[in-house]
Amino acid sequence: NTVYMQMDNLQPEDTAVYYCMAVNTGERYWG
């Protein structure tokens, strides 16, 4: 039950707060 995101060749412009979001039964859920 896990989603991954492999991030390669990261650059300074990739600096951010990263969130996972799911849509289920019309609702959005955030990590």
PDB file of all heavy atoms in Angstrom:
ATOM      1  N   ASN A   1       0.829  -1.213   0.000  1.00  0.00           N
ATOM      2  CA  ASN A   1       0.000   0.000   0.000  1.00  0.00           C
ATOM      3  C   ASN A   1       0.861   1.260   0.000  1.00  0.00           C
ATOM      4  O   ASN A   1       0.530   2.253   0.666  1.00  0.00           O
ATOM      5  CB  ASN A   1      -0.940   0.035   1.214  1.00  0.00           C
ATOM      6  CG  ASN A   1      -1.964  -1.071   1.200  1.00  0.00           C
ATOM      7  OD1 ASN A   1      -2.222  -1.672   0.150  1.00  0.00           O
ATOM      8  ND2 ASN A   1      -2.546  -1.360   2.333  1.00  0.00           N
ATOM      9  N   THR A   2       1.943   1.229  -0.736  1.00  0.00           N
ATOM     10  CA  THR A   2       2.911   2.319  -0.702  1.00  0.00           C
ATOM     11  C   THR A   2       3.232   2.807  -2.105  1.00  0.00           C
ATOM     12  O   THR A   2       3.409   2.014  -3.023  1.00  0.00           O
ATOM     13  CB  THR A   2       4.202   1.873  -0.001  1.00  0.00           C
ATOM     14  OG1 THR A   2       3.894   1.474   1.338  1.00  0.00           O
ATOM     15  CG2 THR A   2       5.219   3.003   0.059  1.00  0.00           C
ATOM     16  N   VAL A   3       3.294   4.125  -2.219  1.00  0.00           N
ATOM     17  CA  VAL A   3       3.708   4.780  -3.461  1.00  0.00           C
ATOM     18  C   VAL A   3       5.069   5.420  -3.209  1.00  0.00           C
ATOM     19  O   VAL A   3       5.300   5.997  -2.142  1.00  0.00           O
ATOM     20  CB  VAL A   3       2.681   5.836  -3.897  1.00  0.00           C
ATOM     21  CG1 VAL A   3       3.214   6.657  -5.075  1.00  0.00           C
ATOM     22  CG2 VAL A   3       1.369   5.168  -4.276  1.00  0.00           C
ATOM     23  N   TYR A   4       5.940   5.307  -4.182  1.00  0.00           N
ATOM     24  CA  TYR A   4       7.287   5.849  -4.063  1.00  0.00           C
ATOM     25  C   TYR A   4       7.520   6.920  -5.120  1.00  0.00           C
ATOM     26  O   TYR A   4       6.875   6.928  -6.169  1.00  0.00           O
ATOM     27  CB  TYR A   4       8.326   4.743  -4.261  1.00  0.00           C
ATOM     28  CG  TYR A   4       8.174   3.581  -3.317  1.00  0.00           C
ATOM     29  CD1 TYR A   4       7.489   2.428  -3.712  1.00  0.00           C
ATOM     30  CD2 TYR A   4       8.693   3.631  -2.031  1.00  0.00           C
ATOM     31  CE1 TYR A   4       7.334   1.353  -2.850  1.00  0.00           C
ATOM     32  CE2 TYR A   4       8.547   2.553  -1.161  1.00  0.00           C
ATOM     33  CZ  TYR A   4       7.865   1.428  -1.576  1.00  0.00           C
ATOM     34  OH  TYR A   4       7.716   0.376  -0.722  1.00  0.00           O
ATOM     35  N   MET A   5       8.464   7.779  -4.838  1.00  0.00           N
ATOM     36  CA  MET A   5       8.948   8.677  -5.876  1.00  0.00           C
ATOM     37  C   MET A   5      10.466   8.743  -5.775  1.00  0.00           C
ATOM     38  O   MET A   5      11.015   9.262  -4.787  1.00  0.00           O
ATOM     39  CB  MET A   5       8.346  10.072  -5.767  1.00  0.00           C
ATOM     40  CG  MET A   5       8.732  10.947  -6.958  1.00  0.00           C
ATOM     41  SD  MET A   5       7.648  12.357  -7.161  1.00  0.00           S
ATOM     42  CE  MET A   5       8.121  13.335  -5.728  1.00  0.00           C
ATOM     43  N   GLN A   6      11.107   8.151  -6.757  1.00  0.00           N
ATOM     44  CA  GLN A   6      12.552   8.203  -6.858  1.00  0.00           C
ATOM     45  C   GLN A   6      12.927   9.521  -7.523  1.00  0.00           C
ATOM     46  O   GLN A   6      12.463   9.799  -8.635  1.00  0.00           O
ATOM     47  CB  GLN A   6      13.062   7.022  -7.686  1.00  0.00           C
ATOM     48  CG  GLN A   6      14.556   7.022  -7.913  1.00  0.00           C
ATOM     49  CD  GLN A   6      15.347   6.799  -6.642  1.00  0.00           C
ATOM     50  OE1 GLN A   6      14.947   6.014  -5.785  1.00  0.00           O
ATOM     51  NE2 GLN A   6      16.477   7.488  -6.511  1.00  0.00           N
ATOM     52  N   MET A   7      13.757  10.299  -6.857  1.00  0.00           N
ATOM     53  CA  MET A   7      14.149  11.602  -7.366  1.00  0.00           C
ATOM     54  C   MET A   7      15.651  11.590  -7.622  1.00  0.00           C
ATOM     55  O   MET A   7      16.442  11.474  -6.673  1.00  0.00           O
ATOM     56  CB  MET A   7      13.777  12.707  -6.375  1.00  0.00           C
ATOM     57  CG  MET A   7      12.302  12.691  -5.980  1.00  0.00           C
ATOM     58  SD  MET A   7      11.806  14.118  -4.996  1.00  0.00           S
ATOM     59  CE  MET A   7      12.790  13.882  -3.513  1.00  0.00           C
ATOM     60  N   ASP A   8      16.023  11.678  -8.874  1.00  0.00           N
ATOM     61  CA  ASP A   8      17.431  11.659  -9.266  1.00  0.00           C
ATOM     62  C   ASP A   8      17.845  13.007  -9.845  1.00  0.00           C
ATOM     63  O   ASP A   8      16.996  13.797 -10.274  1.00  0.00           O
ATOM     64  CB  ASP A   8      17.671  10.561 -10.304  1.00  0.00           C
ATOM     65  CG  ASP A   8      17.407   9.171  -9.743  1.00  0.00           C
ATOM     66  OD1 ASP A   8      17.774   8.915  -8.591  1.00  0.00           O
ATOM     67  OD2 ASP A   8      16.829   8.341 -10.471  1.00  0.00           O
ATOM     68  N   ASN A   9      19.136  13.251  -9.858  1.00  0.00           N
ATOM     69  CA  ASN A   9      19.680  14.504 -10.383  1.00  0.00           C
ATOM     70  C   ASN A   9      18.937  15.706  -9.780  1.00  0.00           C
ATOM     71  O   ASN A   9      18.501  16.612 -10.490  1.00  0.00           O
ATOM     72  CB  ASN A   9      19.589  14.530 -11.908  1.00  0.00           C
ATOM     73  CG  ASN A   9      20.354  15.692 -12.507  1.00  0.00           C
ATOM     74  OD1 ASN A   9      21.275  16.231 -11.892  1.00  0.00           O
ATOM     75  ND2 ASN A   9      19.974  16.081 -13.719  1.00  0.00           N
ATOM     76  N   LEU A  10      18.807  15.685  -8.470  1.00  0.00           N
ATOM     77  CA  LEU A  10      18.101  16.767  -7.787  1.00  0.00           C
ATOM     78  C   LEU A  10      18.853  18.080  -7.958  1.00  0.00           C
ATOM     79  O   LEU A  10      20.094  18.112  -7.979  1.00  0.00           O
ATOM     80  CB  LEU A  10      17.929  16.435  -6.316  1.00  0.00           C
ATOM     81  CG  LEU A  10      16.813  15.421  -6.033  1.00  0.00           C
ATOM     82  CD1 LEU A  10      17.013  14.777  -4.671  1.00  0.00           C
ATOM     83  CD2 LEU A  10      15.461  16.095  -6.120  1.00  0.00           C
ATOM     84  N   GLN A  11      18.082  19.150  -8.068  1.00  0.00           N
ATOM     85  CA  GLN A  11      18.627  20.484  -8.255  1.00  0.00           C
ATOM     86  C   GLN A  11      18.090  21.418  -7.177  1.00  0.00           C
ATOM     87  O   GLN A  11      17.048  21.135  -6.571  1.00  0.00           O
ATOM     88  CB  GLN A  11      18.264  21.000  -9.641  1.00  0.00           C
ATOM     89  CG  GLN A  11      18.807  20.157 -10.778  1.00  0.00           C
ATOM     90  CD  GLN A  11      20.323  20.062 -10.766  1.00  0.00           C
ATOM     91  OE1 GLN A  11      21.027  21.055 -10.592  1.00  0.00           O
ATOM     92  NE2 GLN A  11      20.834  18.838 -10.960  1.00  0.00           N
ATOM     93  N   PRO A  12      18.769  22.522  -6.926  1.00  0.00           N
ATOM     94  CA  PRO A  12      18.295  23.455  -5.882  1.00  0.00           C
ATOM     95  C   PRO A  12      16.838  23.881  -6.075  1.00  0.00           C
ATOM     96  O   PRO A  12      16.137  24.087  -5.081  1.00  0.00           O
ATOM     97  CB  PRO A  12      19.260  24.637  -6.015  1.00  0.00           C
ATOM     98  CG  PRO A  12      20.528  24.012  -6.509  1.00  0.00           C
ATOM     99  CD  PRO A  12      20.087  22.936  -7.450  1.00  0.00           C
ATOM    100  N   GLU A  13      16.391  23.966  -7.306  1.00  0.00           N
ATOM    101  CA  GLU A  13      15.000  24.365  -7.541  1.00  0.00           C
ATOM    102  C   GLU A  13      13.994  23.293  -7.157  1.00  0.00           C
ATOM    103  O   GLU A  13      12.784  23.539  -7.163  1.00  0.00           O
ATOM    104  CB  GLU A  13      14.792  24.774  -9.008  1.00  0.00           C
ATOM    105  CG  GLU A  13      15.234  23.747 -10.016  1.00  0.00           C
ATOM    106  CD  GLU A  13      16.661  23.976 -10.507  1.00  0.00           C
ATOM    107  OE1 GLU A  13      17.502  24.459  -9.717  1.00  0.00           O
ATOM    108  OE2 GLU A  13      16.927  23.660 -11.688  1.00  0.00           O
ATOM    109  N   ASP A  14      14.471  22.110  -6.803  1.00  0.00           N
ATOM    110  CA  ASP A  14      13.590  21.053  -6.309  1.00  0.00           C
ATOM    111  C   ASP A  14      13.353  21.186  -4.803  1.00  0.00           C
ATOM    112  O   ASP A  14      12.556  20.439  -4.235  1.00  0.00           O
ATOM    113  CB  ASP A  14      14.185  19.666  -6.592  1.00  0.00           C
ATOM    114  CG  ASP A  14      14.302  19.373  -8.071  1.00  0.00           C
ATOM    115  OD1 ASP A  14      13.320  19.641  -8.812  1.00  0.00           O
ATOM    116  OD2 ASP A  14      15.355  18.878  -8.502  1.00  0.00           O
ATOM    117  N   THR A  15      14.032  22.120  -4.168  1.00  0.00           N
ATOM    118  CA  THR A  15      13.837  22.348  -2.741  1.00  0.00           C
ATOM    119  C   THR A  15      12.393  22.753  -2.471  1.00  0.00           C
ATOM    120  O   THR A  15      11.873  23.687  -3.078  1.00  0.00           O
ATOM    121  CB  THR A  15      14.787  23.440  -2.237  1.00  0.00           C
ATOM    122  OG1 THR A  15      16.141  22.965  -2.340  1.00  0.00           O
ATOM    123  CG2 THR A  15      14.494  23.809  -0.793  1.00  0.00           C
ATOM    124  N   ALA A  16      11.750  22.017  -1.570  1.00  0.00           N
ATOM    125  CA  ALA A  16      10.338  22.259  -1.286  1.00  0.00           C
ATOM    126  C   ALA A  16       9.887  21.338  -0.159  1.00  0.00           C
ATOM    127  O   ALA A  16      10.608  20.413   0.224  1.00  0.00           O
ATOM    128  CB  ALA A  16       9.483  22.000  -2.533  1.00  0.00           C
ATOM    129  N   VAL A  17       8.684  21.612   0.327  1.00  0.00           N
ATOM    130  CA  VAL A  17       7.998  20.637   1.176  1.00  0.00           C
ATOM    131  C   VAL A  17       7.194  19.740   0.238  1.00  0.00           C
ATOM    132  O   VAL A  17       6.405  20.235  -0.571  1.00  0.00           O
ATOM    133  CB  VAL A  17       7.084  21.312   2.204  1.00  0.00           C
ATOM    134  CG1 VAL A  17       6.334  20.251   3.011  1.00  0.00           C
ATOM    135  CG2 VAL A  17       7.892  22.215   3.120  1.00  0.00           C
ATOM    136  N   TYR A  18       7.408  18.459   0.334  1.00  0.00           N
ATOM    137  CA  TYR A  18       6.747  17.491  -0.531  1.00  0.00           C
ATOM    138  C   TYR A  18       5.597  16.819   0.215  1.00  0.00           C
ATOM    139  O   TYR A  18       5.748  16.401   1.361  1.00  0.00           O
ATOM    140  CB  TYR A  18       7.745  16.447  -1.023  1.00  0.00           C
ATOM    141  CG  TYR A  18       8.647  16.965  -2.110  1.00  0.00           C
ATOM    142  CD1 TYR A  18       9.651  17.887  -1.830  1.00  0.00           C
ATOM    143  CD2 TYR A  18       8.476  16.557  -3.438  1.00  0.00           C
ATOM    144  CE1 TYR A  18      10.467  18.385  -2.842  1.00  0.00           C
ATOM    145  CE2 TYR A  18       9.289  17.042  -4.447  1.00  0.00           C
ATOM    146  CZ  TYR A  18      10.276  17.963  -4.143  1.00  0.00           C
ATOM    147  OH  TYR A  18      11.084  18.450  -5.159  1.00  0.00           O
ATOM    148  N   TYR A  19       4.475  16.717  -0.491  1.00  0.00           N
ATOM    149  CA  TYR A  19       3.271  16.140   0.081  1.00  0.00           C
ATOM    150  C   TYR A  19       2.762  15.001  -0.789  1.00  0.00           C
ATOM    151  O   TYR A  19       2.818  15.071  -2.013  1.00  0.00           O
ATOM    152  CB  TYR A  19       2.148  17.175   0.150  1.00  0.00           C
ATOM    153  CG  TYR A  19       2.425  18.363   1.026  1.00  0.00           C
ATOM    154  CD1 TYR A  19       3.050  19.490   0.510  1.00  0.00           C
ATOM    155  CD2 TYR A  19       2.033  18.373   2.365  1.00  0.00           C
ATOM    156  CE1 TYR A  19       3.298  20.595   1.303  1.00  0.00           C
ATOM    157  CE2 TYR A  19       2.272  19.473   3.170  1.00  0.00           C
ATOM    158  CZ  TYR A  19       2.904  20.581   2.633  1.00  0.00           C
ATOM    159  OH  TYR A  19       3.134  21.683   3.426  1.00  0.00           O
ATOM    160  N   CYS A  20       2.224  14.008  -0.138  1.00  0.00           N
ATOM    161  CA  CYS A  20       1.505  12.954  -0.805  1.00  0.00           C
ATOM    162  C   CYS A  20       0.020  13.286  -0.702  1.00  0.00           C
ATOM    163  O   CYS A  20      -0.436  13.760   0.351  1.00  0.00           O
ATOM    164  CB  CYS A  20       1.812  11.629  -0.113  1.00  0.00           C
ATOM    165  SG  CYS A  20       1.015  10.188  -0.815  1.00  0.00           S
ATOM    166  N   MET A  21      -0.728  13.065  -1.773  1.00  0.00           N
ATOM    167  CA  MET A  21      -2.162  13.355  -1.763  1.00  0.00           C
ATOM    168  C   MET A  21      -2.912  12.221  -2.428  1.00  0.00           C
ATOM    169  O   MET A  21      -2.496  11.743  -3.488  1.00  0.00           O
ATOM    170  CB  MET A  21      -2.431  14.670  -2.495  1.00  0.00           C
ATOM    171  CG  MET A  21      -3.852  15.198  -2.351  1.00  0.00           C
ATOM    172  SD  MET A  21      -5.007  14.521  -3.561  1.00  0.00           S
ATOM    173  CE  MET A  21      -4.587  15.549  -4.979  1.00  0.00           C
ATOM    174  N   ALA A  22      -4.014  11.821  -1.817  1.00  0.00           N
ATOM    175  CA  ALA A  22      -4.839  10.753  -2.369  1.00  0.00           C
ATOM    176  C   ALA A  22      -6.258  11.253  -2.580  1.00  0.00           C
ATOM    177  O   ALA A  22      -6.761  12.063  -1.799  1.00  0.00           O
ATOM    178  CB  ALA A  22      -4.849   9.540  -1.447  1.00  0.00           C
ATOM    179  N   VAL A  23      -6.877  10.755  -3.625  1.00  0.00           N
ATOM    180  CA  VAL A  23      -8.285  11.048  -3.886  1.00  0.00           C
ATOM    181  C   VAL A  23      -9.067   9.751  -3.753  1.00  0.00           C
ATOM    182  O   VAL A  23      -8.764   8.758  -4.421  1.00  0.00           O
ATOM    183  CB  VAL A  23      -8.482  11.651  -5.287  1.00  0.00           C
ATOM    184  CG1 VAL A  23      -9.975  11.846  -5.574  1.00  0.00           C
ATOM    185  CG2 VAL A  23      -7.736  12.967  -5.418  1.00  0.00           C
ATOM    186  N   ASN A  24     -10.074   9.789  -2.888  1.00  0.00           N
ATOM    187  CA  ASN A  24     -10.880   8.593  -2.667  1.00  0.00           C
ATOM    188  C   ASN A  24     -12.305   9.018  -2.343  1.00  0.00           C
ATOM    189  O   ASN A  24     -12.504   9.904  -1.508  1.00  0.00           O
ATOM    190  CB  ASN A  24     -10.290   7.776  -1.506  1.00  0.00           C
ATOM    191  CG  ASN A  24     -10.950   6.414  -1.396  1.00  0.00           C
ATOM    192  OD1 ASN A  24     -11.076   5.700  -2.386  1.00  0.00           O
ATOM    193  ND2 ASN A  24     -11.367   6.056  -0.208  1.00  0.00           N
ATOM    194  N   THR A  25     -13.244   8.434  -3.025  1.00  0.00           N
ATOM    195  CA  THR A  25     -14.671   8.765  -2.848  1.00  0.00           C
ATOM    196  C   THR A  25     -14.918  10.267  -2.891  1.00  0.00           C
ATOM    197  O   THR A  25     -15.679  10.822  -2.088  1.00  0.00           O
ATOM    198  CB  THR A  25     -15.226   8.172  -1.543  1.00  0.00           C
ATOM    199  OG1 THR A  25     -14.531   8.736  -0.430  1.00  0.00           O
ATOM    200  CG2 THR A  25     -15.079   6.670  -1.529  1.00  0.00           C
ATOM    201  N   GLY A  26     -14.226  10.925  -3.828  1.00  0.00           N
ATOM    202  CA  GLY A  26     -14.447  12.346  -4.036  1.00  0.00           C
ATOM    203  C   GLY A  26     -13.756  13.269  -3.058  1.00  0.00           C
ATOM    204  O   GLY A  26     -13.860  14.494  -3.193  1.00  0.00           O
ATOM    205  N   GLU A  27     -13.049  12.724  -2.088  1.00  0.00           N
ATOM    206  CA  GLU A  27     -12.360  13.537  -1.101  1.00  0.00           C
ATOM    207  C   GLU A  27     -10.843  13.511  -1.333  1.00  0.00           C
ATOM    208  O   GLU A  27     -10.305  12.515  -1.807  1.00  0.00           O
ATOM    209  CB  GLU A  27     -12.641  13.022   0.319  1.00  0.00           C
ATOM    210  CG  GLU A  27     -14.104  13.065   0.717  1.00  0.00           C
ATOM    211  CD  GLU A  27     -14.589  14.484   0.938  1.00  0.00           C
ATOM    212  OE1 GLU A  27     -13.771  15.329   1.349  1.00  0.00           O
ATOM    213  OE2 GLU A  27     -15.790  14.744   0.704  1.00  0.00           O
ATOM    214  N   ARG A  28     -10.198  14.622  -0.962  1.00  0.00           N
ATOM    215  CA  ARG A  28      -8.737  14.685  -1.038  1.00  0.00           C
ATOM    216  C   ARG A  28      -8.160  14.504   0.357  1.00  0.00           C
ATOM    217  O   ARG A  28      -8.639  15.099   1.319  1.00  0.00           O
ATOM    218  CB  ARG A  28      -8.285  16.041  -1.574  1.00  0.00           C
ATOM    219  CG  ARG A  28      -8.553  16.247  -3.046  1.00  0.00           C
ATOM    220  CD  ARG A  28      -7.865  17.506  -3.529  1.00  0.00           C
ATOM    221  NE  ARG A  28      -7.976  17.662  -4.971  1.00  0.00           N
ATOM    222  CZ  ARG A  28      -7.267  18.524  -5.687  1.00  0.00           C
ATOM    223  NH1 ARG A  28      -6.396  19.311  -5.079  1.00  0.00           N
ATOM    224  NH2 ARG A  28      -7.428  18.603  -6.983  1.00  0.00           N
ATOM    225  N   TYR A  29      -7.111  13.720   0.427  1.00  0.00           N
ATOM    226  CA  TYR A  29      -6.428  13.503   1.696  1.00  0.00           C
ATOM    227  C   TYR A  29      -4.949  13.804   1.502  1.00  0.00           C
ATOM    228  O   TYR A  29      -4.348  13.360   0.523  1.00  0.00           O
ATOM    229  CB  TYR A  29      -6.609  12.047   2.159  1.00  0.00           C
ATOM    230  CG  TYR A  29      -8.057  11.667   2.339  1.00  0.00           C
ATOM    231  CD1 TYR A  29      -8.794  11.114   1.291  1.00  0.00           C
ATOM    232  CD2 TYR A  29      -8.702  11.887   3.549  1.00  0.00           C
ATOM    233  CE1 TYR A  29     -10.126  10.776   1.445  1.00  0.00           C
ATOM    234  CE2 TYR A  29     -10.038  11.548   3.716  1.00  0.00           C
ATOM    235  CZ  TYR A  29     -10.745  11.000   2.661  1.00  0.00           C
ATOM    236  OH  TYR A  29     -12.072  10.679   2.816  1.00  0.00           O
ATOM    237  N   TRP A  30      -4.381  14.530   2.466  1.00  0.00           N
ATOM    238  CA  TRP A  30      -2.989  14.958   2.365  1.00  0.00           C
ATOM    239  C   TRP A  30      -2.159  14.315   3.470  1.00  0.00           C
ATOM    240  O   TRP A  30      -2.618  14.152   4.605  1.00  0.00           O
ATOM    241  CB  TRP A  30      -2.883  16.471   2.480  1.00  0.00           C
ATOM    242  CG  TRP A  30      -3.472  17.205   1.323  1.00  0.00           C
ATOM    243  CD1 TRP A  30      -4.756  17.642   1.197  1.00  0.00           C
ATOM    244  CD2 TRP A  30      -2.801  17.591   0.122  1.00  0.00           C
ATOM    245  NE1 TRP A  30      -4.923  18.277  -0.013  1.00  0.00           N
ATOM    246  CE2 TRP A  30      -3.742  18.257  -0.696  1.00  0.00           C
ATOM    247  CE3 TRP A  30      -1.494  17.432  -0.355  1.00  0.00           C
ATOM    248  CZ2 TRP A  30      -3.414  18.778  -1.960  1.00  0.00           C
ATOM    249  CZ3 TRP A  30      -1.175  17.952  -1.599  1.00  0.00           C
ATOM    250  CH2 TRP A  30      -2.124  18.604  -2.395  1.00  0.00           C
ATOM    251  N   GLY A  31      -0.912  14.030   3.134  1.00  0.00           N
ATOM    252  CA  GLY A  31       0.049  13.633   4.140  1.00  0.00           C
ATOM    253  C   GLY A  31       0.542  14.852   4.886  1.00  0.00           C
ATOM    254  O   GLY A  31       0.160  15.987   4.598  1.00  0.00           O
TER     255      GLY A  31
END
